Amino acid sequence: MKKMNVVRLCGLLVLTMVFGNLFAQSGVTGLNTATSTLKTYVDPATNIALVIGGIVGIVGGIRVYSKWNSGDQDINKELMGWGGSCLFLVLSSLIVKAFFGL
């Protein structure tokens, strides 16, 4: 019983190696395909990051404005937090575009 399982496992491994090599691409074409596919995703992803940054900026501006009008004296910390997050989202999208050469 145990020997039969070992024989089946070895046969399955041999078939996997044989058929896996038949369907494999060369390394260069695979890398070129991956590069072109990633480049098609960069523009939509950076646009989404910019939109999220704009929404975060609007929400942060409203929160800082409401705290400022309510008389809260500690709005500097809130302003720096929201401003820093918007700046990060904008700069990260620009860095990603520069990284991929777009």
PDB file of N, CA and C in Angstrom:
ATOM      1  N   MET A   1       0.828  -1.192   0.000  1.00  0.00           N
ATOM      2  CA  MET A   1       0.000   0.000   0.000  1.00  0.00           C
ATOM      3  C   MET A   1       0.871   1.253   0.000  1.00  0.00           C
ATOM      4  N   LYS A   2       1.855   1.280   0.896  1.00  0.00           N
ATOM      5  CA  LYS A   2       2.716   2.451   0.987  1.00  0.00           C
ATOM      6  C   LYS A   2       3.594   2.559  -0.261  1.00  0.00           C
ATOM      7  N   LYS A   3       4.037   1.403  -0.774  1.00  0.00           N
ATOM      8  CA  LYS A   3       4.875   1.410  -1.971  1.00  0.00           C
ATOM      9  C   LYS A   3       4.076   1.914  -3.171  1.00  0.00           C
ATOM     10  N   MET A   4       2.799   1.589  -3.228  1.00  0.00           N
ATOM     11  CA  MET A   4       1.955   2.034  -4.330  1.00  0.00           C
ATOM     12  C   MET A   4       1.797   3.550  -4.303  1.00  0.00           C
ATOM     13  N   ASN A   5       1.660   4.150  -3.119  1.00  0.00           N
ATOM     14  CA  ASN A   5       1.555   5.603  -3.004  1.00  0.00           C
ATOM     15  C   ASN A   5       2.846   6.282  -3.441  1.00  0.00           C
ATOM     16  N   VAL A   6       3.985   5.691  -3.108  1.00  0.00           N
ATOM     17  CA  VAL A   6       5.275   6.257  -3.506  1.00  0.00           C
ATOM     18  C   VAL A   6       5.426   6.195  -5.019  1.00  0.00           C
ATOM     19  N   VAL A   7       5.015   5.088  -5.630  1.00  0.00           N
ATOM     20  CA  VAL A   7       5.102   4.945  -7.086  1.00  0.00           C
ATOM     21  C   VAL A   7       4.197   5.974  -7.770  1.00  0.00           C
ATOM     22  N   ARG A   8       2.999   6.157  -7.264  1.00  0.00           N
ATOM     23  CA  ARG A   8       2.081   7.147  -7.841  1.00  0.00           C
ATOM     24  C   ARG A   8       2.641   8.563  -7.702  1.00  0.00           C
ATOM     25  N   LEU A   9       3.220   8.851  -6.557  1.00  0.00           N
ATOM     26  CA  LEU A   9       3.793  10.175  -6.331  1.00  0.00           C
ATOM     27  C   LEU A   9       4.962  10.432  -7.269  1.00  0.00           C
ATOM     28  N   CYS A  10       5.821   9.440  -7.441  1.00  0.00           N
ATOM     29  CA  CYS A  10       6.959   9.596  -8.363  1.00  0.00           C
ATOM     30  C   CYS A  10       6.475   9.771  -9.797  1.00  0.00           C
ATOM     31  N   GLY A  11       5.478   9.013 -10.193  1.00  0.00           N
ATOM     32  CA  GLY A  11       4.922   9.154 -11.539  1.00  0.00           C
ATOM     33  C   GLY A  11       4.308  10.528 -11.757  1.00  0.00           C
ATOM     34  N   LEU A  12       3.622  11.033 -10.760  1.00  0.00           N
ATOM     35  CA  LEU A  12       3.026  12.360 -10.851  1.00  0.00           C
ATOM     36  C   LEU A  12       4.095  13.442 -10.957  1.00  0.00           C
ATOM     37  N   LEU A  13       5.170  13.302 -10.205  1.00  0.00           N
ATOM     38  CA  LEU A  13       6.261  14.275 -10.276  1.00  0.00           C
ATOM     39  C   LEU A  13       6.933  14.268 -11.640  1.00  0.00           C
ATOM     40  N   VAL A  14       7.139  13.086 -12.209  1.00  0.00           N
ATOM     41  CA  VAL A  14       7.760  12.994 -13.537  1.00  0.00           C
ATOM     42  C   VAL A  14       6.858  13.638 -14.585  1.00  0.00           C
ATOM     43  N   LEU A  15       5.571  13.342 -14.541  1.00  0.00           N
ATOM     44  CA  LEU A  15       4.643  13.947 -15.501  1.00  0.00           C
ATOM     45  C   LEU A  15       4.584  15.465 -15.346  1.00  0.00           C
ATOM     46  N   THR A  16       4.618  15.934 -14.128  1.00  0.00           N
ATOM     47  CA  THR A  16       4.602  17.380 -13.888  1.00  0.00           C
ATOM     48  C   THR A  16       5.832  18.047 -14.475  1.00  0.00           C
ATOM     49  N   MET A  17       6.990  17.440 -14.295  1.00  0.00           N
ATOM     50  CA  MET A  17       8.216  18.025 -14.846  1.00  0.00           C
ATOM     51  C   MET A  17       8.209  18.010 -16.367  1.00  0.00           C
ATOM     52  N   VAL A  18       7.723  16.928 -16.963  1.00  0.00           N
ATOM     53  CA  VAL A  18       7.715  16.823 -18.426  1.00  0.00           C
ATOM     54  C   VAL A  18       6.756  17.844 -19.026  1.00  0.00           C
ATOM     55  N   PHE A  19       5.530  17.883 -18.539  1.00  0.00           N
ATOM     56  CA  PHE A  19       4.547  18.797 -19.111  1.00  0.00           C
ATOM     57  C   PHE A  19       4.799  20.240 -18.693  1.00  0.00           C
ATOM     58  N   GLY A  20       5.394  20.459 -17.553  1.00  0.00           N
ATOM     59  CA  GLY A  20       5.746  21.819 -17.145  1.00  0.00           C
ATOM     60  C   GLY A  20       6.767  22.440 -18.070  1.00  0.00           C
ATOM     61  N   ASN A  21       7.722  21.654 -18.529  1.00  0.00           N
ATOM     62  CA  ASN A  21       8.722  22.163 -19.465  1.00  0.00           C
ATOM     63  C   ASN A  21       8.130  22.429 -20.838  1.00  0.00           C
ATOM     64  N   LEU A  22       7.106  21.683 -21.218  1.00  0.00           N
ATOM     65  CA  LEU A  22       6.493  21.903 -22.524  1.00  0.00           C
ATOM     66  C   LEU A  22       5.777  23.247 -22.603  1.00  0.00           C
ATOM     67  N   PHE A  23       5.173  23.677 -21.508  1.00  0.00           N
ATOM     68  CA  PHE A  23       4.409  24.917 -21.502  1.00  0.00           C
ATOM     69  C   PHE A  23       5.213  26.120 -21.042  1.00  0.00           C
ATOM     70  N   ALA A  24       6.448  25.938 -20.682  1.00  0.00           N
ATOM     71  CA  ALA A  24       7.259  27.043 -20.166  1.00  0.00           C
ATOM     72  C   ALA A  24       7.686  27.971 -21.295  1.00  0.00           C
ATOM     73  N   GLN A  25       7.767  29.270 -20.970  1.00  0.00           N
ATOM     74  CA  GLN A  25       8.273  30.259 -21.910  1.00  0.00           C
ATOM     75  C   GLN A  25       9.747  30.479 -21.624  1.00  0.00           C
ATOM     76  N   SER A  26      10.403  31.105 -22.591  1.00  0.00           N
ATOM     77  CA  SER A  26      11.782  31.479 -22.301  1.00  0.00           C
ATOM     78  C   SER A  26      11.761  32.636 -21.311  1.00  0.00           C
ATOM     79  N   GLY A  27      12.834  32.840 -20.611  1.00  0.00           N
ATOM     80  CA  GLY A  27      12.881  33.857 -19.572  1.00  0.00           C
ATOM     81  C   GLY A  27      12.719  35.266 -20.092  1.00  0.00           C
ATOM     82  N   VAL A  28      13.280  35.546 -21.262  1.00  0.00           N
ATOM     83  CA  VAL A  28      13.245  36.905 -21.806  1.00  0.00           C
ATOM     84  C   VAL A  28      11.828  37.303 -22.197  1.00  0.00           C
ATOM     85  N   THR A  29      11.114  36.423 -22.859  1.00  0.00           N
ATOM     86  CA  THR A  29       9.753  36.777 -23.263  1.00  0.00           C
ATOM     87  C   THR A  29       8.841  36.917 -22.054  1.00  0.00           C
ATOM     88  N   GLY A  30       9.063  36.099 -21.053  1.00  0.00           N
ATOM     89  CA  GLY A  30       8.271  36.220 -19.835  1.00  0.00           C
ATOM     90  C   GLY A  30       8.516  37.538 -19.123  1.00  0.00           C
ATOM     91  N   LEU A  31       9.779  37.952 -19.042  1.00  0.00           N
ATOM     92  CA  LEU A  31      10.095  39.234 -18.404  1.00  0.00           C
ATOM     93  C   LEU A  31       9.568  40.410 -19.212  1.00  0.00           C
ATOM     94  N   ASN A  32       9.664  40.330 -20.527  1.00  0.00           N
ATOM     95  CA  ASN A  32       9.127  41.408 -21.363  1.00  0.00           C
ATOM     96  C   ASN A  32       7.612  41.517 -21.229  1.00  0.00           C
ATOM     97  N   THR A  33       6.951  40.387 -21.162  1.00  0.00           N
ATOM     98  CA  THR A  33       5.504  40.393 -20.979  1.00  0.00           C
ATOM     99  C   THR A  33       5.129  40.979 -19.625  1.00  0.00           C
ATOM    100  N   ALA A  34       5.860  40.593 -18.587  1.00  0.00           N
ATOM    101  CA  ALA A  34       5.583  41.129 -17.253  1.00  0.00           C
ATOM    102  C   ALA A  34       5.829  42.633 -17.204  1.00  0.00           C
ATOM    103  N   THR A  35       6.886  43.102 -17.853  1.00  0.00           N
ATOM    104  CA  THR A  35       7.192  44.530 -17.859  1.00  0.00           C
ATOM    105  C   THR A  35       6.109  45.323 -18.569  1.00  0.00           C
ATOM    106  N   SER A  36       5.680  44.846 -19.716  1.00  0.00           N
ATOM    107  CA  SER A  36       4.637  45.574 -20.447  1.00  0.00           C
ATOM    108  C   SER A  36       3.308  45.544 -19.697  1.00  0.00           C
ATOM    109  N   THR A  37       3.016  44.445 -19.027  1.00  0.00           N
ATOM    110  CA  THR A  37       1.785  44.365 -18.250  1.00  0.00           C
ATOM    111  C   THR A  37       1.823  45.318 -17.067  1.00  0.00           C
ATOM    112  N   LEU A  38       2.957  45.384 -16.377  1.00  0.00           N
ATOM    113  CA  LEU A  38       3.069  46.308 -15.252  1.00  0.00           C
ATOM    114  C   LEU A  38       2.969  47.757 -15.702  1.00  0.00           C
ATOM    115  N   LYS A  39       3.530  48.075 -16.855  1.00  0.00           N
ATOM    116  CA  LYS A  39       3.463  49.457 -17.341  1.00  0.00           C
ATOM    117  C   LYS A  39       2.033  49.873 -17.669  1.00  0.00           C
ATOM    118  N   THR A  40       1.191  48.918 -18.055  1.00  0.00           N
ATOM    119  CA  THR A  40      -0.201  49.280 -18.324  1.00  0.00           C
ATOM    120  C   THR A  40      -0.971  49.567 -17.042  1.00  0.00           C
ATOM    121  N   TYR A  41      -0.519  49.030 -15.907  1.00  0.00           N
ATOM    122  CA  TYR A  41      -1.203  49.266 -14.640  1.00  0.00           C
ATOM    123  C   TYR A  41      -0.709  50.504 -13.913  1.00  0.00           C
ATOM    124  N   VAL A  42       0.407  51.082 -14.320  1.00  0.00           N
ATOM    125  CA  VAL A  42       0.991  52.195 -13.574  1.00  0.00           C
ATOM    126  C   VAL A  42       0.115  53.437 -13.659  1.00  0.00           C
ATOM    127  N   ASP A  43      -0.323  53.820 -14.848  1.00  0.00           N
ATOM    128  CA  ASP A  43      -1.119  55.042 -14.987  1.00  0.00           C
ATOM    129  C   ASP A  43      -2.441  54.984 -14.219  1.00  0.00           C
ATOM    130  N   PRO A  44      -3.238  53.926 -14.345  1.00  0.00           N
ATOM    131  CA  PRO A  44      -4.470  53.895 -13.544  1.00  0.00           C
ATOM    132  C   PRO A  44      -4.206  53.874 -12.036  1.00  0.00           C
ATOM    133  N   ALA A  45      -3.163  53.175 -11.610  1.00  0.00           N
ATOM    134  CA  ALA A  45      -2.868  53.113 -10.173  1.00  0.00           C
ATOM    135  C   ALA A  45      -2.437  54.476  -9.641  1.00  0.00           C
ATOM    136  N   THR A  46      -1.618  55.202 -10.395  1.00  0.00           N
ATOM    137  CA  THR A  46      -1.201  56.527  -9.930  1.00  0.00           C
ATOM    138  C   THR A  46      -2.362  57.509  -9.978  1.00  0.00           C
ATOM    139  N   ASN A  47      -3.240  57.370 -10.955  1.00  0.00           N
ATOM    140  CA  ASN A  47      -4.421  58.238 -10.987  1.00  0.00           C
ATOM    141  C   ASN A  47      -5.332  57.979  -9.794  1.00  0.00           C
ATOM    142  N   ILE A  48      -5.472  56.717  -9.414  1.00  0.00           N
ATOM    143  CA  ILE A  48      -6.280  56.393  -8.234  1.00  0.00           C
ATOM    144  C   ILE A  48      -5.639  56.978  -6.981  1.00  0.00           C
ATOM    145  N   ALA A  49      -4.313  56.911  -6.885  1.00  0.00           N
ATOM    146  CA  ALA A  49      -3.625  57.489  -5.729  1.00  0.00           C
ATOM    147  C   ALA A  49      -3.829  58.997  -5.673  1.00  0.00           C
ATOM    148  N   LEU A  50      -3.810  59.661  -6.822  1.00  0.00           N
ATOM    149  CA  LEU A  50      -4.045  61.105  -6.843  1.00  0.00           C
ATOM    150  C   LEU A  50      -5.484  61.447  -6.455  1.00  0.00           C
ATOM    151  N   VAL A  51      -6.437  60.646  -6.901  1.00  0.00           N
ATOM    152  CA  VAL A  51      -7.834  60.882  -6.530  1.00  0.00           C
ATOM    153  C   VAL A  51      -8.027  60.682  -5.031  1.00  0.00           C
ATOM    154  N   ILE A  52      -7.439  59.624  -4.488  1.00  0.00           N
ATOM    155  CA  ILE A  52      -7.536  59.383  -3.044  1.00  0.00           C
ATOM    156  C   ILE A  52      -6.878  60.529  -2.283  1.00  0.00           C
ATOM    157  N   GLY A  53      -5.742  61.021  -2.789  1.00  0.00           N
ATOM    158  CA  GLY A  53      -5.078  62.166  -2.157  1.00  0.00           C
ATOM    159  C   GLY A  53      -5.951  63.405  -2.175  1.00  0.00           C
ATOM    160  N   GLY A  54      -6.668  63.624  -3.273  1.00  0.00           N
ATOM    161  CA  GLY A  54      -7.576  64.767  -3.340  1.00  0.00           C
ATOM    162  C   GLY A  54      -8.727  64.643  -2.361  1.00  0.00           C
ATOM    163  N   ILE A  55      -9.292  63.442  -2.256  1.00  0.00           N
ATOM    164  CA  ILE A  55     -10.396  63.225  -1.315  1.00  0.00           C
ATOM    165  C   ILE A  55      -9.914  63.396   0.118  1.00  0.00           C
ATOM    166  N   VAL A  56      -8.744  62.844   0.418  1.00  0.00           N
ATOM    167  CA  VAL A  56      -8.180  62.994   1.765  1.00  0.00           C
ATOM    168  C   VAL A  56      -7.917  64.468   2.057  1.00  0.00           C
ATOM    169  N   GLY A  57      -7.446  65.207   1.062  1.00  0.00           N
ATOM    170  CA  GLY A  57      -7.192  66.636   1.249  1.00  0.00           C
ATOM    171  C   GLY A  57      -8.460  67.413   1.533  1.00  0.00           C
ATOM    172  N   ILE A  58      -9.535  67.090   0.819  1.00  0.00           N
ATOM    173  CA  ILE A  58     -10.803  67.785   1.049  1.00  0.00           C
ATOM    174  C   ILE A  58     -11.347  67.469   2.435  1.00  0.00           C
ATOM    175  N   VAL A  59     -11.338  66.191   2.800  1.00  0.00           N
ATOM    176  CA  VAL A  59     -11.830  65.794   4.126  1.00  0.00           C
ATOM    177  C   VAL A  59     -10.973  66.426   5.219  1.00  0.00           C
ATOM    178  N   GLY A  60      -9.667  66.414   5.037  1.00  0.00           N
ATOM    179  CA  GLY A  60      -8.775  67.018   6.025  1.00  0.00           C
ATOM    180  C   GLY A  60      -8.976  68.509   6.136  1.00  0.00           C
ATOM    181  N   GLY A  61      -9.177  69.171   5.001  1.00  0.00           N
ATOM    182  CA  GLY A  61      -9.431  70.610   5.039  1.00  0.00           C
ATOM    183  C   GLY A  61     -10.707  70.944   5.782  1.00  0.00           C
ATOM    184  N   ILE A  62     -11.746  70.142   5.571  1.00  0.00           N
ATOM    185  CA  ILE A  62     -13.009  70.374   6.272  1.00  0.00           C
ATOM    186  C   ILE A  62     -12.843  70.149   7.770  1.00  0.00           C
ATOM    187  N   ARG A  63     -12.123  69.100   8.145  1.00  0.00           N
ATOM    188  CA  ARG A  63     -11.926  68.828   9.580  1.00  0.00           C
ATOM    189  C   ARG A  63     -11.108  69.913  10.256  1.00  0.00           C
ATOM    190  N   VAL A  64     -10.047  70.374   9.585  1.00  0.00           N
ATOM    191  CA  VAL A  64      -9.218  71.434  10.166  1.00  0.00           C
ATOM    192  C   VAL A  64     -10.022  72.725  10.268  1.00  0.00           C
ATOM    193  N   TYR A  65     -10.818  73.034   9.249  1.00  0.00           N
ATOM    194  CA  TYR A  65     -11.630  74.246   9.262  1.00  0.00           C
ATOM    195  C   TYR A  65     -12.654  74.213  10.393  1.00  0.00           C
ATOM    196  N   SER A  66     -13.293  73.056  10.578  1.00  0.00           N
ATOM    197  CA  SER A  66     -14.294  72.965  11.648  1.00  0.00           C
ATOM    198  C   SER A  66     -13.647  73.053  13.024  1.00  0.00           C
ATOM    199  N   LYS A  67     -12.463  72.471  13.190  1.00  0.00           N
ATOM    200  CA  LYS A  67     -11.767  72.590  14.481  1.00  0.00           C
ATOM    201  C   LYS A  67     -11.314  74.021  14.725  1.00  0.00           C
ATOM    202  N   TRP A  68     -10.883  74.677  13.669  1.00  0.00           N
ATOM    203  CA  TRP A  68     -10.418  76.055  13.794  1.00  0.00           C
ATOM    204  C   TRP A  68     -11.577  76.974  14.182  1.00  0.00           C
ATOM    205  N   ASN A  69     -12.745  76.767  13.555  1.00  0.00           N
ATOM    206  CA  ASN A  69     -13.906  77.595  13.873  1.00  0.00           C
ATOM    207  C   ASN A  69     -14.491  77.282  15.239  1.00  0.00           C
ATOM    208  N   SER A  70     -14.289  76.064  15.734  1.00  0.00           N
ATOM    209  CA  SER A  70     -14.816  75.732  17.061  1.00  0.00           C
ATOM    210  C   SER A  70     -13.917  76.255  18.174  1.00  0.00           C
ATOM    211  N   GLY A  71     -12.769  76.811  17.826  1.00  0.00           N
ATOM    212  CA  GLY A  71     -11.898  77.414  18.825  1.00  0.00           C
ATOM    213  C   GLY A  71     -10.838  76.479  19.365  1.00  0.00           C
ATOM    214  N   ASP A  72     -10.630  75.356  18.737  1.00  0.00           N
ATOM    215  CA  ASP A  72      -9.589  74.428  19.180  1.00  0.00           C
ATOM    216  C   ASP A  72      -8.220  75.057  18.929  1.00  0.00           C
ATOM    217  N   GLN A  73      -7.386  75.060  19.955  1.00  0.00           N
ATOM    218  CA  GLN A  73      -6.078  75.708  19.849  1.00  0.00           C
ATOM    219  C   GLN A  73      -5.002  74.790  19.279  1.00  0.00           C
ATOM    220  N   ASP A  74      -5.269  73.507  19.193  1.00  0.00           N
ATOM    221  CA  ASP A  74      -4.250  72.552  18.760  1.00  0.00           C
ATOM    222  C   ASP A  74      -4.542  72.049  17.342  1.00  0.00           C
ATOM    223  N   ILE A  75      -4.696  72.974  16.395  1.00  0.00           N
ATOM    224  CA  ILE A  75      -4.972  72.556  15.026  1.00  0.00           C
ATOM    225  C   ILE A  75      -3.699  72.312  14.231  1.00  0.00           C
ATOM    226  N   ASN A  76      -2.562  72.748  14.745  1.00  0.00           N
ATOM    227  CA  ASN A  76      -1.308  72.555  14.004  1.00  0.00           C
ATOM    228  C   ASN A  76      -1.001  71.071  13.810  1.00  0.00           C
ATOM    229  N   LYS A  77      -1.220  70.286  14.850  1.00  0.00           N
ATOM    230  CA  LYS A  77      -0.967  68.842  14.756  1.00  0.00           C
ATOM    231  C   LYS A  77      -1.908  68.197  13.735  1.00  0.00           C
ATOM    232  N   GLU A  78      -3.147  68.592  13.767  1.00  0.00           N
ATOM    233  CA  GLU A  78      -4.136  68.068  12.821  1.00  0.00           C
ATOM    234  C   GLU A  78      -3.788  68.481  11.388  1.00  0.00           C
ATOM    235  N   LEU A  79      -3.403  69.727  11.220  1.00  0.00           N
ATOM    236  CA  LEU A  79      -3.049  70.236   9.896  1.00  0.00           C
ATOM    237  C   LEU A  79      -1.829  69.522   9.335  1.00  0.00           C
ATOM    238  N   MET A  80      -0.828  69.294  10.158  1.00  0.00           N
ATOM    239  CA  MET A  80       0.380  68.607   9.696  1.00  0.00           C
ATOM    240  C   MET A  80       0.088  67.145   9.353  1.00  0.00           C
ATOM    241  N   GLY A  81      -0.769  66.511  10.099  1.00  0.00           N
ATOM    242  CA  GLY A  81      -1.122  65.117   9.817  1.00  0.00           C
ATOM    243  C   GLY A  81      -1.842  64.966   8.491  1.00  0.00           C
ATOM    244  N   TRP A  82      -2.865  65.759   8.280  1.00  0.00           N
ATOM    245  CA  TRP A  82      -3.612  65.674   7.027  1.00  0.00           C
ATOM    246  C   TRP A  82      -2.772  66.146   5.851  1.00  0.00           C
ATOM    247  N   GLY A  83      -2.031  67.224   6.032  1.00  0.00           N
ATOM    248  CA  GLY A  83      -1.173  67.719   4.953  1.00  0.00           C
ATOM    249  C   GLY A  83      -0.085  66.724   4.593  1.00  0.00           C
ATOM    250  N   GLY A  84       0.499  66.091   5.594  1.00  0.00           N
ATOM    251  CA  GLY A  84       1.530  65.084   5.340  1.00  0.00           C
ATOM    252  C   GLY A  84       0.995  63.881   4.592  1.00  0.00           C
ATOM    253  N   SER A  85      -0.213  63.466   4.926  1.00  0.00           N
ATOM    254  CA  SER A  85      -0.789  62.315   4.221  1.00  0.00           C
ATOM    255  C   SER A  85      -1.097  62.659   2.765  1.00  0.00           C
ATOM    256  N   CYS A  86      -1.594  63.853   2.512  1.00  0.00           N
ATOM    257  CA  CYS A  86      -1.849  64.268   1.117  1.00  0.00           C
ATOM    258  C   CYS A  86      -0.546  64.379   0.343  1.00  0.00           C
ATOM    259  N   LEU A  87       0.461  64.953   0.959  1.00  0.00           N
ATOM    260  CA  LEU A  87       1.761  65.092   0.307  1.00  0.00           C
ATOM    261  C   LEU A  87       2.363  63.725  -0.007  1.00  0.00           C
ATOM    262  N   PHE A  88       2.228  62.781   0.924  1.00  0.00           N
ATOM    263  CA  PHE A  88       2.739  61.432   0.689  1.00  0.00           C
ATOM    264  C   PHE A  88       2.052  60.775  -0.504  1.00  0.00           C
ATOM    265  N   LEU A  89       0.727  60.885  -0.584  1.00  0.00           N
ATOM    266  CA  LEU A  89       0.006  60.248  -1.686  1.00  0.00           C
ATOM    267  C   LEU A  89       0.377  60.859  -3.031  1.00  0.00           C
ATOM    268  N   VAL A  90       0.554  62.167  -3.084  1.00  0.00           N
ATOM    269  CA  VAL A  90       0.921  62.814  -4.345  1.00  0.00           C
ATOM    270  C   VAL A  90       2.341  62.438  -4.741  1.00  0.00           C
ATOM    271  N   LEU A  91       3.271  62.505  -3.790  1.00  0.00           N
ATOM    272  CA  LEU A  91       4.664  62.194  -4.110  1.00  0.00           C
ATOM    273  C   LEU A  91       4.870  60.719  -4.425  1.00  0.00           C
ATOM    274  N   SER A  92       4.134  59.838  -3.758  1.00  0.00           N
ATOM    275  CA  SER A  92       4.305  58.409  -4.047  1.00  0.00           C
ATOM    276  C   SER A  92       3.858  58.080  -5.468  1.00  0.00           C
ATOM    277  N   SER A  93       2.805  58.720  -5.944  1.00  0.00           N
ATOM    278  CA  SER A  93       2.381  58.459  -7.324  1.00  0.00           C
ATOM    279  C   SER A  93       3.402  58.987  -8.319  1.00  0.00           C
ATOM    280  N   LEU A  94       4.019  60.123  -8.026  1.00  0.00           N
ATOM    281  CA  LEU A  94       5.050  60.652  -8.924  1.00  0.00           C
ATOM    282  C   LEU A  94       6.303  59.781  -8.912  1.00  0.00           C
ATOM    283  N   ILE A  95       6.658  59.254  -7.762  1.00  0.00           N
ATOM    284  CA  ILE A  95       7.840  58.395  -7.664  1.00  0.00           C
ATOM    285  C   ILE A  95       7.610  57.083  -8.411  1.00  0.00           C
ATOM    286  N   VAL A  96       6.403  56.544  -8.326  1.00  0.00           N
ATOM    287  CA  VAL A  96       6.100  55.306  -9.053  1.00  0.00           C
ATOM    288  C   VAL A  96       6.188  55.538 -10.558  1.00  0.00           C
ATOM    289  N   LYS A  97       5.674  56.674 -11.032  1.00  0.00           N
ATOM    290  CA  LYS A  97       5.776  56.980 -12.466  1.00  0.00           C
ATOM    291  C   LYS A  97       7.232  57.144 -12.883  1.00  0.00           C
ATOM    292  N   ALA A  98       8.031  57.797 -12.059  1.00  0.00           N
ATOM    293  CA  ALA A  98       9.444  57.978 -12.392  1.00  0.00           C
ATOM    294  C   ALA A  98      10.190  56.645 -12.351  1.00  0.00           C
ATOM    295  N   PHE A  99       9.803  55.767 -11.448  1.00  0.00           N
ATOM    296  CA  PHE A  99      10.456  54.470 -11.328  1.00  0.00           C
ATOM    297  C   PHE A  99      10.244  53.624 -12.577  1.00  0.00           C
ATOM    298  N   PHE A 100       9.046  53.668 -13.136  1.00  0.00           N
ATOM    299  CA  PHE A 100       8.756  52.890 -14.333  1.00  0.00           C
ATOM    300  C   PHE A 100       9.062  53.651 -15.616  1.00  0.00           C
ATOM    301  N   GLY A 101       9.552  54.865 -15.516  1.00  0.00           N
ATOM    302  CA  GLY A 101       9.961  55.628 -16.690  1.00  0.00           C
ATOM    303  C   GLY A 101       8.810  56.130 -17.528  1.00  0.00           C
ATOM    304  N   LEU A 102       7.722  56.504 -16.892  1.00  0.00           N
ATOM    305  CA  LEU A 102       6.558  57.000 -17.639  1.00  0.00           C
ATOM    306  C   LEU A 102       6.386  58.481 -17.446  1.00  0.00           C
TER     307      LEU A 102
END
